[in-house]
Protein backbone atom coordinates (compact mmCIF):
# COMPACT_ATOMS: atom_id res chain seq x y z
CA MET A 1 69.50 -41.23 5.62
CA ARG A 2 68.57 -38.98 2.87
CA ARG A 3 67.50 -35.72 3.41
CA VAL A 4 66.33 -33.47 0.41
CA VAL A 5 65.60 -29.67 0.47
CA SER A 6 63.12 -28.35 -2.23
CA LEU A 7 63.52 -24.44 -3.17
CA CYS A 8 60.72 -23.19 -4.73
CA LEU A 9 60.63 -19.77 -6.28
CA PRO A 10 57.03 -19.06 -7.13
CA TYR A 11 57.67 -15.72 -8.94
CA TRP A 12 60.92 -16.50 -10.27
CA SER A 13 60.57 -15.22 -14.06
CA THR A 14 59.24 -11.88 -12.64
CA ASP A 15 61.63 -11.82 -9.57
CA ARG A 16 64.39 -12.32 -11.95
CA ILE A 17 63.29 -9.27 -14.04
CA SER A 18 63.00 -7.07 -11.12
CA ARG A 19 66.48 -8.10 -9.99
CA LYS A 20 68.00 -7.35 -13.56
CA ARG A 21 66.43 -3.82 -13.26
CA GLY A 22 67.99 -3.18 -9.84
CA VAL A 23 64.99 -3.05 -7.93
CA SER A 24 65.90 -4.11 -4.14
CA PRO A 25 63.82 -6.25 -2.00
CA SER A 26 62.54 -3.31 -0.20
CA GLU A 27 61.61 -1.41 -3.20
CA ALA A 28 59.84 -4.29 -4.90
CA ASN A 29 57.57 -4.50 -1.48
CA ALA A 30 56.83 -0.83 -1.72
CA ALA A 31 55.97 -1.70 -5.39
CA LEU A 32 53.04 -3.67 -4.39
CA SER A 33 50.76 -0.51 -4.59
CA GLY A 34 52.33 0.12 -8.07
CA GLN A 35 52.41 -1.40 -11.70
CA PRO A 36 52.00 -5.35 -11.92
CA LEU A 37 54.81 -7.15 -13.89
CA VAL A 38 53.75 -10.18 -16.04
CA THR A 39 55.62 -11.73 -18.51
CA ALA A 40 53.93 -12.94 -21.95
CA ILE A 41 54.30 -15.92 -24.61
CA GLU A 42 52.80 -15.80 -28.06
CA THR A 43 51.11 -18.67 -29.19
CA HIS A 44 49.01 -19.35 -31.97
CA GLY A 45 48.51 -15.41 -32.89
CA ARG A 46 47.92 -14.43 -29.29
CA LYS A 47 49.78 -13.37 -26.42
CA LEU A 48 49.24 -15.17 -23.13
CA ILE A 49 50.38 -14.55 -19.42
CA ALA A 50 53.28 -16.86 -18.96
CA ALA A 51 54.18 -15.34 -15.45
CA ALA A 52 52.68 -12.67 -12.95
CA ASP A 53 54.25 -11.21 -9.83
CA PRO A 54 52.56 -11.16 -6.45
CA LEU A 55 50.77 -7.72 -7.12
CA GLY A 56 49.34 -9.18 -10.62
CA ARG A 57 48.00 -12.29 -8.96
CA SER A 58 46.40 -10.31 -6.38
CA LEU A 59 44.57 -8.39 -8.84
CA GLY A 60 43.37 -11.58 -10.41
CA ILE A 61 45.67 -12.16 -13.42
CA THR A 62 46.75 -15.74 -13.72
CA PRO A 63 48.94 -17.39 -16.07
CA GLY A 64 47.32 -18.66 -19.37
CA MET A 65 45.07 -15.46 -19.39
CA SER A 66 45.34 -13.41 -22.60
CA ILE A 67 47.06 -9.96 -22.32
CA THR A 68 43.91 -8.42 -23.71
CA LYS A 69 41.84 -9.47 -20.96
CA ALA A 70 44.57 -8.89 -18.54
CA ARG A 71 44.68 -5.14 -19.66
CA THR A 72 40.82 -4.78 -19.21
CA MET A 73 41.42 -5.65 -15.67
CA VAL A 74 44.85 -3.66 -15.10
CA PRO A 75 45.15 -0.95 -18.24
CA ASP A 76 48.89 0.00 -16.81
CA LEU A 77 50.08 -3.57 -16.71
CA ASP A 78 53.76 -3.79 -17.43
CA VAL A 79 54.49 -6.65 -20.03
CA VAL A 80 57.55 -8.26 -20.91
CA ASP A 81 58.40 -11.14 -23.26
CA ALA A 82 59.13 -14.47 -21.46
CA ASP A 83 62.61 -15.65 -22.01
CA GLU A 84 62.47 -19.58 -20.96
CA ALA A 85 66.11 -19.79 -21.70
CA ALA A 86 67.18 -16.85 -19.48
CA ASP A 87 64.88 -18.43 -16.60
CA ALA A 88 66.61 -21.75 -17.14
CA GLN A 89 70.27 -20.20 -17.28
CA GLY A 90 69.47 -18.07 -14.03
CA LEU A 91 68.40 -21.17 -12.10
CA GLU A 92 71.27 -22.79 -13.05
CA ARG A 93 73.47 -20.23 -11.89
CA LEU A 94 71.48 -20.42 -8.59
CA ALA A 95 71.98 -24.00 -8.40
CA LEU A 96 76.01 -23.41 -8.91
CA TRP A 97 75.95 -21.27 -5.97
CA ALA A 98 73.97 -23.46 -3.57
CA GLY A 99 76.19 -26.34 -4.75
CA GLN A 100 79.47 -24.36 -3.43
CA ARG A 101 77.59 -23.40 -0.23
CA TYR A 102 75.09 -25.78 0.83
CA ALA A 103 75.33 -29.58 -0.43
CA PRO A 104 77.68 -31.34 -3.18
CA PHE A 105 74.71 -32.27 -4.76
CA VAL A 106 72.38 -29.77 -6.24
CA ALA A 107 69.84 -30.08 -8.96
CA VAL A 108 67.47 -28.01 -10.81
CA ASP A 109 63.87 -28.55 -10.53
CA TYR A 110 62.55 -26.73 -13.88
CA PRO A 111 60.81 -24.31 -14.49
CA ASP A 112 60.81 -22.68 -10.74
CA GLY A 113 63.13 -24.29 -8.29
CA LEU A 114 66.09 -26.36 -7.14
CA TRP A 115 66.48 -29.64 -5.03
CA LEU A 116 69.51 -29.94 -2.63
CA ASP A 117 70.60 -33.43 -1.19
CA ILE A 118 71.76 -32.22 2.11
CA SER A 119 72.31 -35.74 3.58
CA GLY A 120 75.37 -35.08 6.28
CA CYS A 121 75.86 -31.58 5.55
CA GLY A 122 73.93 -30.23 8.42
CA GLU A 123 76.63 -30.66 10.83
CA LEU A 124 78.37 -28.05 9.03
CA PHE A 125 75.79 -25.23 9.92
CA GLY A 126 75.18 -26.48 13.15
CA GLY A 127 72.02 -28.57 12.27
CA GLU A 128 69.61 -29.42 9.54
CA GLU A 129 67.33 -26.31 10.63
CA ALA A 130 70.31 -23.92 10.47
CA LEU A 131 70.95 -24.90 7.03
CA VAL A 132 67.81 -24.37 5.58
CA LYS A 133 67.51 -20.88 7.59
CA ASP A 134 70.58 -19.67 6.09
CA LEU A 135 69.38 -20.48 2.95
CA PHE A 136 65.91 -19.16 3.24
CA ARG A 137 67.37 -15.73 4.71
CA ARG A 138 69.91 -15.44 2.06
CA VAL A 139 67.59 -16.27 -1.13
CA ASN A 140 64.95 -13.76 0.26
CA GLY A 141 67.64 -11.19 1.15
CA SER A 142 68.57 -11.64 -2.58
CA GLY A 143 64.92 -10.30 -3.50
CA LEU A 144 63.40 -13.63 -4.45
CA THR A 145 60.30 -14.92 -2.81
CA ALA A 146 61.22 -18.57 -1.59
CA GLN A 147 59.48 -21.33 -0.21
CA ILE A 148 61.52 -24.11 1.30
CA ALA A 149 60.54 -27.57 2.62
CA VAL A 150 63.03 -30.65 3.67
CA ALA A 151 61.82 -34.07 3.87
CA ASP A 152 63.27 -37.98 3.13
CA THR A 153 62.31 -37.68 -0.30
CA ALA A 154 62.25 -35.25 -3.38
CA GLY A 155 58.80 -35.49 -4.15
CA CYS A 156 57.53 -34.90 -0.53
CA ALA A 157 59.62 -31.97 -0.18
CA HIS A 158 58.56 -30.69 -3.62
CA ALA A 159 54.84 -30.85 -2.43
CA VAL A 160 55.14 -29.41 0.40
CA ALA A 161 57.39 -26.49 -0.90
CA ARG A 162 54.60 -25.46 -3.14
CA HIS A 163 51.22 -26.41 -1.33
CA VAL A 164 52.21 -25.31 2.07
CA PRO A 165 52.88 -21.65 2.22
CA ALA A 166 54.21 -21.49 5.73
CA GLY A 167 56.45 -18.37 5.48
CA ARG A 168 59.26 -20.15 6.61
CA PRO A 169 61.20 -23.34 6.08
CA VAL A 170 59.08 -26.43 6.71
CA ILE A 171 60.73 -29.47 8.02
CA ILE A 172 59.26 -32.73 7.72
CA LEU A 173 60.51 -35.16 10.43
CA PRO A 174 62.30 -38.48 8.91
CA GLY A 175 59.54 -40.98 8.05
CA ASP A 176 56.73 -38.64 8.34
CA GLN A 177 56.55 -38.12 4.43
CA LYS A 178 52.87 -40.17 4.37
CA LYS A 179 51.39 -37.80 7.11
CA ALA A 180 52.89 -34.74 5.13
CA VAL A 181 51.45 -35.39 1.70
CA GLY A 182 48.35 -37.03 3.00
CA LEU A 183 46.34 -33.68 3.19
CA LEU A 184 47.77 -32.04 0.06
CA PRO A 185 45.74 -31.87 -3.06
CA LEU A 186 46.42 -34.29 -5.77
CA ALA A 187 47.82 -31.86 -7.69
CA ALA A 188 51.22 -32.16 -5.38
CA LEU A 189 51.95 -35.16 -7.10
CA ARG A 190 53.29 -33.83 -10.26
CA ILE A 191 50.57 -35.26 -12.34
CA PRO A 192 49.06 -34.16 -15.33
CA ALA A 193 46.42 -31.35 -15.01
CA LYS A 194 43.88 -33.26 -16.61
CA VAL A 195 44.39 -36.38 -14.43
CA ALA A 196 44.22 -34.41 -10.97
CA SER A 197 41.05 -32.68 -12.38
CA ASP A 198 39.02 -36.05 -13.38
CA LEU A 199 40.17 -37.37 -10.11
CA HIS A 200 38.85 -34.30 -8.22
CA LYS A 201 35.57 -34.79 -10.10
CA MET A 202 35.78 -38.39 -8.78
CA GLY A 203 35.98 -37.12 -5.16
CA PHE A 204 39.55 -37.45 -4.48
CA THR A 205 40.39 -34.17 -2.92
CA ARG A 206 43.43 -35.20 -0.88
CA ILE A 207 46.26 -37.57 -1.74
CA GLU A 208 45.42 -39.64 1.34
CA GLN A 209 41.99 -40.52 -0.30
CA LEU A 210 44.32 -41.96 -3.08
CA ILE A 211 46.34 -43.87 -0.80
CA ALA A 212 43.34 -45.79 0.77
CA GLU A 213 41.97 -46.95 -2.75
CA PRO A 214 42.69 -50.21 -4.17
CA ARG A 215 45.19 -49.31 -6.98
CA GLY A 216 44.24 -51.56 -9.73
CA PRO A 217 40.98 -49.75 -11.32
CA ILE A 218 42.78 -46.11 -10.93
CA ALA A 219 45.99 -47.34 -12.34
CA ARG A 220 44.20 -49.22 -15.52
CA ARG A 221 41.99 -45.86 -16.12
CA TYR A 222 44.91 -43.09 -15.44
CA GLY A 223 48.14 -45.35 -16.08
CA HIS A 224 50.99 -46.27 -13.73
CA GLU A 225 52.44 -42.93 -13.91
CA LEU A 226 50.26 -41.44 -10.97
CA TYR A 227 51.16 -44.28 -8.41
CA ARG A 228 54.87 -43.87 -9.79
CA ARG A 229 54.70 -40.34 -8.50
CA LEU A 230 52.97 -41.30 -5.19
CA ASP A 231 55.34 -44.14 -4.49
CA GLN A 232 58.38 -41.61 -5.09
CA ALA A 233 56.87 -39.19 -2.66
CA LEU A 234 56.34 -41.84 -0.13
CA GLY A 235 59.81 -42.99 -0.62
CA HIS A 236 58.88 -46.43 -2.09
CA ALA A 237 60.18 -45.90 -5.58
CA PRO A 238 63.66 -44.32 -6.44
CA GLU A 239 63.43 -40.73 -8.13
CA ALA A 240 66.27 -39.61 -10.40
CA MET A 241 67.83 -36.10 -10.34
CA ALA A 242 70.51 -34.66 -12.52
CA PRO A 243 73.13 -33.02 -10.63
CA ILE A 244 74.71 -29.71 -11.98
CA PHE A 245 78.49 -29.30 -12.17
CA PRO A 246 80.34 -26.17 -13.31
CA PRO A 247 81.95 -27.41 -16.47
CA SER A 248 84.97 -25.16 -15.75
CA LEU A 249 85.69 -26.98 -12.41
CA PRO A 250 88.58 -29.71 -12.38
CA GLN A 251 87.01 -33.02 -12.55
CA ALA A 252 87.28 -36.56 -13.18
CA ARG A 253 84.72 -39.24 -14.53
CA ARG A 254 84.68 -42.97 -14.70
CA GLY A 255 82.17 -44.81 -16.58
CA LEU A 256 82.40 -48.57 -15.42
CA LEU A 257 81.71 -51.51 -17.77
CA GLU A 258 79.96 -53.67 -14.99
CA PRO A 259 78.12 -52.12 -12.04
CA ILE A 260 80.23 -52.16 -8.83
CA GLY A 261 79.09 -52.24 -5.01
CA THR A 262 81.68 -53.54 -2.83
CA VAL A 263 84.19 -51.34 -0.58
CA ASP A 264 87.35 -52.33 -2.49
CA ALA A 265 86.19 -51.86 -5.92
CA ILE A 266 84.82 -48.34 -5.03
CA ALA A 267 88.04 -47.63 -3.12
CA LYS A 268 90.08 -48.83 -6.40
CA VAL A 269 88.02 -46.32 -8.54
CA ILE A 270 88.56 -43.41 -5.98
CA GLY A 271 92.17 -44.03 -6.18
CA ASP A 272 92.13 -43.58 -10.12
CA LEU A 273 90.03 -40.68 -9.88
CA THR A 274 92.12 -38.75 -7.32
CA ASP A 275 95.25 -39.58 -9.91
CA ASP A 276 93.36 -37.79 -12.73
CA ILE A 277 92.15 -35.05 -10.77
CA CYS A 278 95.58 -34.22 -9.32
CA ALA A 279 97.30 -34.32 -12.65
CA ALA A 280 94.32 -31.61 -13.77
CA LEU A 281 95.09 -29.62 -10.60
CA MET A 282 98.92 -29.76 -11.64
CA ARG A 283 98.58 -28.62 -14.83
CA ASP A 284 96.30 -25.57 -13.61
CA GLY A 285 99.11 -24.81 -10.55
CA THR A 286 96.16 -24.98 -8.14
CA GLY A 287 95.42 -27.37 -4.90
CA ALA A 288 91.90 -28.81 -4.01
CA ARG A 289 90.27 -27.32 -0.95
CA ARG A 290 87.09 -29.36 -1.28
CA LEU A 291 86.20 -32.62 -3.41
CA ASP A 292 82.91 -33.86 -4.13
CA LEU A 293 82.29 -37.57 -5.26
CA HIS A 294 79.21 -38.43 -6.99
CA CYS A 295 78.36 -41.95 -7.76
CA GLU A 296 75.80 -42.75 -10.13
CA ARG A 297 73.66 -45.89 -9.70
CA VAL A 298 72.04 -48.07 -12.16
CA ASP A 299 68.55 -46.92 -10.89
CA GLY A 300 69.45 -43.21 -11.70
CA GLN A 301 69.95 -42.06 -8.06
CA TYR A 302 73.06 -40.25 -7.06
CA GLN A 303 75.12 -40.89 -4.01
CA SER A 304 77.57 -38.03 -2.96
CA VAL A 305 79.85 -37.17 -0.06
CA ARG A 306 82.02 -34.25 0.14
CA ILE A 307 85.60 -33.68 2.15
CA GLY A 308 87.53 -30.62 2.55
CA THR A 309 91.28 -29.71 3.21
CA ALA A 310 92.65 -27.24 5.74
CA SER A 311 95.16 -26.17 2.97
CA PRO A 312 95.19 -26.24 -1.02
CA THR A 313 96.84 -30.13 -1.82
CA ARG A 314 97.11 -32.10 -4.93
CA ASP A 315 98.45 -35.10 -2.99
CA ALA A 316 96.43 -37.92 -4.85
CA ARG A 317 97.57 -40.45 -1.74
CA HIS A 318 96.30 -37.96 0.98
CA LEU A 319 92.89 -37.05 -0.80
CA THR A 320 92.67 -40.79 -1.60
CA LYS A 321 92.74 -41.37 2.42
CA LEU A 322 90.30 -38.76 3.17
CA LEU A 323 87.66 -40.11 0.80
CA VAL A 324 88.08 -43.84 1.38
CA PRO A 325 86.42 -43.45 4.91
CA ARG A 326 83.48 -41.82 3.57
CA ILE A 327 82.69 -45.05 1.57
CA GLU A 328 80.44 -46.10 4.57
CA ARG A 329 78.19 -43.19 3.53
CA ILE A 330 77.63 -44.48 0.17
CA ASP A 331 74.61 -46.93 -0.53
CA PRO A 332 75.53 -48.77 -4.02
CA GLY A 333 71.87 -50.37 -4.07
CA LEU A 334 71.95 -52.65 -7.12
CA GLY A 335 75.27 -51.07 -8.37
CA ILE A 336 77.19 -48.11 -9.29
CA GLU A 337 77.88 -47.49 -12.79
CA THR A 338 79.43 -43.83 -12.78
CA MET A 339 81.67 -42.14 -10.57
CA ILE A 340 82.55 -38.34 -10.69
CA LEU A 341 85.15 -36.56 -8.75
CA ILE A 342 85.13 -32.95 -8.62
CA ALA A 343 86.94 -29.82 -6.97
CA PRO A 344 84.52 -26.96 -6.52
CA ILE A 345 87.00 -25.02 -4.45
CA VAL A 346 90.52 -24.63 -5.52
CA GLU A 347 93.45 -22.53 -4.62
CA PRO A 348 96.58 -21.54 -6.26
CA LEU A 349 99.44 -23.89 -5.15
CA ARG A 350 103.08 -23.37 -6.44
CA SER A 351 105.09 -26.72 -6.94
CA ALA A 352 107.49 -27.90 -4.37
CA GLN A 353 111.09 -28.56 -4.81
CA ALA A 354 111.98 -32.26 -4.20
CA ASP A 355 115.01 -33.29 -2.56
CA LEU A 356 117.37 -36.07 -3.65
CA THR A 357 115.39 -38.62 -2.32
CA GLY A 358 112.24 -37.16 -4.09
CA ASP A 359 110.73 -36.12 -1.30
CA THR A 360 108.67 -32.81 -1.39
CA HIS A 361 107.71 -32.39 2.01
CA ARG A 362 109.73 -30.32 4.80
CA GLY A 363 108.86 -30.93 8.33
CA PRO A 364 105.61 -32.40 10.00
CA ASP A 365 102.77 -32.29 7.60
CA LEU A 366 100.27 -30.51 9.74
CA GLY A 367 97.67 -30.16 7.19
CA ALA A 368 97.44 -33.71 6.44
CA LEU A 369 96.78 -34.32 10.30
CA ILE A 370 94.13 -31.70 10.44
CA ASP A 371 92.60 -32.98 7.28
CA ALA A 372 92.32 -36.51 8.94
CA LEU A 373 91.00 -35.13 12.10
CA ALA A 374 88.60 -32.84 10.72
CA ASN A 375 86.77 -35.35 8.19
CA ARG A 376 86.52 -37.63 11.08
CA PHE A 377 85.21 -35.77 13.90
CA GLY A 378 83.88 -32.89 12.06
CA ARG A 379 85.42 -29.64 11.24
CA ASP A 380 83.74 -27.50 13.61
CA ARG A 381 85.45 -29.57 16.35
CA LEU A 382 88.93 -28.60 15.29
CA TYR A 383 89.94 -25.15 15.59
CA GLY A 384 92.62 -22.69 16.60
CA THR A 385 92.69 -19.45 18.80
CA THR A 386 93.90 -16.19 18.29
CA PRO A 387 93.99 -13.25 20.97
CA ARG A 388 90.95 -10.93 21.08
CA SER A 389 91.21 -7.10 22.69
CA SER A 390 88.83 -7.25 25.61
CA ALA A 391 89.08 -6.22 29.28
CA MET A 392 87.33 -9.68 30.48
CA PRO A 393 89.70 -12.58 30.26
CA GLU A 394 86.92 -14.95 29.23
CA ARG A 395 86.55 -12.70 25.81
CA THR A 396 90.22 -12.60 25.04
CA VAL A 397 90.44 -15.76 23.20
CA LYS A 398 88.60 -15.97 19.69
CA ARG A 399 88.22 -19.24 17.91
CA THR A 400 89.60 -19.36 14.24
CA MET A 401 90.12 -21.95 11.61
CA ALA A 402 92.52 -24.67 12.44
CA LEU A 403 95.76 -23.49 10.10
CA ARG A 404 95.03 -19.91 10.36
CA ASP A 405 98.44 -17.88 10.75
CA GLY A 406 98.01 -16.07 13.88
CA ALA A 407 101.52 -14.54 13.68
CA ASP A 408 100.07 -11.10 13.70
CA ARG A 409 98.76 -10.90 17.03
CA ARG A 410 100.37 -11.94 20.29
CA TRP A 411 99.21 -12.45 23.63
CA ASN A 412 100.19 -10.04 26.58
CA ALA A 413 103.38 -11.27 27.92
CA VAL A 414 102.94 -8.78 30.83
CA LEU A 415 99.81 -10.02 31.99
CA PRO A 416 99.92 -13.77 31.48
CA ARG A 417 96.66 -15.79 31.53
CA PRO A 418 96.00 -19.53 32.51
CA GLY A 419 96.41 -21.66 29.92
CA ARG A 420 93.29 -23.53 30.95
CA MET A 421 90.51 -21.10 31.59
CA ILE A 422 87.36 -22.48 33.91
CA GLU A 423 84.05 -20.93 32.02
CA PRO A 424 82.10 -20.23 34.21
CA PRO A 425 84.40 -19.30 36.90
CA GLU A 426 83.70 -21.79 39.96
CA PRO A 427 83.07 -20.86 43.63
CA VAL A 428 85.92 -21.44 46.01
CA GLN A 429 86.12 -21.35 49.96
CA VAL A 430 89.08 -19.12 51.01
CA ILE A 431 91.06 -18.23 54.26
CA ALA A 432 92.84 -14.76 54.03
CA MET A 433 94.60 -13.05 56.85
CA MET A 434 92.84 -10.21 56.15
CA PRO A 435 89.58 -9.32 53.80
CA ASP A 436 91.85 -7.41 51.10
CA HIS A 437 94.87 -9.78 51.46
CA PRO A 438 95.96 -12.91 49.16
CA PRO A 439 94.22 -16.08 49.91
CA ALA A 440 96.02 -18.19 52.37
CA GLN A 441 94.53 -21.39 51.87
CA PHE A 442 91.27 -22.49 49.50
CA VAL A 443 89.06 -25.20 49.14
CA TRP A 444 88.09 -26.40 45.22
CA ARG A 445 85.84 -29.36 44.46
CA GLY A 446 86.06 -30.69 48.01
CA LYS A 447 89.86 -30.44 48.16
CA ARG A 448 91.93 -28.31 50.36
CA ARG A 449 95.10 -26.56 48.99
CA LYS A 450 97.33 -24.28 50.96
CA VAL A 451 98.98 -21.34 49.28
CA VAL A 452 102.78 -20.88 49.56
CA LYS A 453 103.22 -17.93 47.13
CA ALA A 454 100.87 -15.29 45.69
CA ASP A 455 100.77 -12.39 43.24
CA GLY A 456 98.38 -9.80 42.74
CA PRO A 457 95.75 -8.35 42.98
CA GLU A 458 95.35 -7.27 39.53
CA ARG A 459 91.97 -5.34 39.28
CA LEU A 460 89.76 -5.49 36.35
CA GLN A 461 86.25 -3.88 35.91
CA GLY A 462 83.35 -5.24 33.76
CA GLU A 463 83.06 -3.79 30.32
CA TRP A 464 80.21 -1.74 31.55
CA TRP A 465 79.72 0.11 27.91
CA ARG A 466 77.96 -3.03 26.79
CA ALA A 467 74.40 -2.65 25.75
CA LYS A 468 73.23 -5.80 27.45
CA GLY A 469 74.39 -8.71 29.45
CA LEU A 470 75.59 -8.92 33.14
CA GLU A 471 78.06 -6.35 33.08
CA ALA A 472 75.41 -3.76 31.56
CA ASP A 473 73.01 -4.77 34.53
CA SER A 474 75.74 -4.24 37.18
CA PRO A 475 78.26 -2.06 36.01
CA TYR A 476 80.32 -1.27 38.93
CA LEU A 477 81.17 -5.20 39.49
CA VAL A 478 85.04 -5.35 40.47
CA ARG A 479 87.37 -8.39 40.08
CA ASP A 480 90.76 -8.65 42.15
CA TYR A 481 92.54 -11.47 40.59
CA PHE A 482 95.40 -13.35 42.34
CA GLN A 483 97.98 -15.98 41.00
CA VAL A 484 98.59 -18.27 43.68
CA GLU A 485 100.71 -21.40 44.11
CA VAL A 486 100.10 -24.20 46.48
CA GLU A 487 101.70 -27.00 48.07
CA GLY A 488 103.00 -29.70 45.66
CA GLY A 489 103.16 -27.02 42.61
CA GLY A 490 99.73 -26.21 41.36
CA ARG A 491 99.33 -22.72 40.20
CA TYR A 492 95.72 -21.15 40.08
CA TRP A 493 93.98 -18.10 38.99
CA LEU A 494 91.43 -16.70 41.94
CA PHE A 495 89.69 -13.64 41.87
CA ARG A 496 87.69 -12.01 44.89
CA LEU A 497 84.43 -10.33 43.51
CA GLY A 498 84.07 -7.05 44.92
CA ASP A 499 86.58 -4.14 46.62
CA GLY A 500 85.25 -4.42 50.18
CA GLN A 501 84.33 -0.97 50.16
CA TRP A 502 81.34 -0.53 48.21
CA SER A 503 78.71 -3.33 48.03
CA SER A 504 78.03 -2.56 44.31
CA THR A 505 81.12 -3.76 43.45
CA GLY A 506 80.66 -7.36 44.68
CA PRO A 507 79.58 -9.82 47.46
CA MET A 508 83.59 -10.56 48.46
CA ALA A 509 82.86 -13.80 46.99
CA TRP A 510 85.64 -15.68 45.89
CA PHE A 511 85.96 -17.85 42.57
CA ILE A 512 88.63 -19.84 40.64
CA HIS A 513 88.82 -18.95 37.12
CA GLY A 514 91.82 -21.03 35.65
CA ALA A 515 95.01 -22.89 36.27
CA PHE A 516 98.40 -22.54 34.76
CA ALA A 517 100.51 -25.31 33.23
């Protein structure tokens, strides 16, 4: 299912100028009691307001007002000549940044926003909500006023982002676009202002009123553009968006003589594209870490998929194997007429010396295996581990990237830890000769185990310096760990909570925390 983010920047022109002047977000907020900033354009010998910052809007200055009239209202108005080309270039730079971080398909929504097709991208951030929250936080943190909405259609997201000032990202649930736009004014449909004004005079104040009326009479009077925009917002008609790609990135393009729609045909073109882009990467001495495949349909819509690699590569066969399984996520519609493959993230990659058989591989190709698993099951489900300094065993393991070189850090060989940690520790019933002796036998998950060997205790005390958590609330807790071996060869890691002398150190209860290989 398609999901589109509309990022609206209602004060883009003035925010861009403030950032160019080096005004931080906090300074900009403090400036709300200072001098309003506006941009102006000259038309027919008059200077008119093109954009006003939040302070100017609060004082009644609106776009279209003459500078002369605005100065009568605010004499110390800060007027800067409008620069539409610089505004557009700034939006395109912002789109390229968003394309690198959030989604392979990003389009500029001139003059004050972006569209991001985040279909299938949410899982990389822990969900769709986490993705848009991260986008909202970063854009606001850069000093830009942002409004964000997510919906099934670009038209619905565009309308909600600009007409529902919630102060946070608004997520429209799949299939709810009719309910979301129903209460909005007709201007939210991106129709000419005169058409919206005329319909308002006729009593149409909300979009739901337009939906309820017969289309024929209104379409004959105002044209089909009105209902085209309505159908696009409701998802009944396609909407073309032009994605933006950095021209400097390695890319390959195939324009097709006839539209294609079968899996075999798409896979054949993917193979040709990977050959072309790998040749470009070879010339640049780089390898791809990420590839975006864009398919332009005959109705103008784009379908995009993205793959990542654990290490830089320009192996065309390997990249094709990663892309082909993603074909099932591409909806060809009535046919695909253009396919584009772009490498947005590349890294230097030296050429490998081939042996007498022409093979350049040495040993197992671990990167290819990780790429195949990560692109099939999700990159967040594949990771490595590295030691981390901590007094508590459950915090000594840190997740890392799957192919991260962890040679710089080693596990403590003097104090070995189990290969399998049980988190949280599970309570066990223990019989010991004396309260402070090692276990003689214990019962775990209903099975009794007799201990034949034991080593310990290794006393650990909680990290009492932590600001919050269990150890901050109970700073005197003590764990005495024992490595025990049971009949049959199993080795386990048990601990007793408490030292038997002070009740504040624990209730003298036993737990199992891990099993050795």
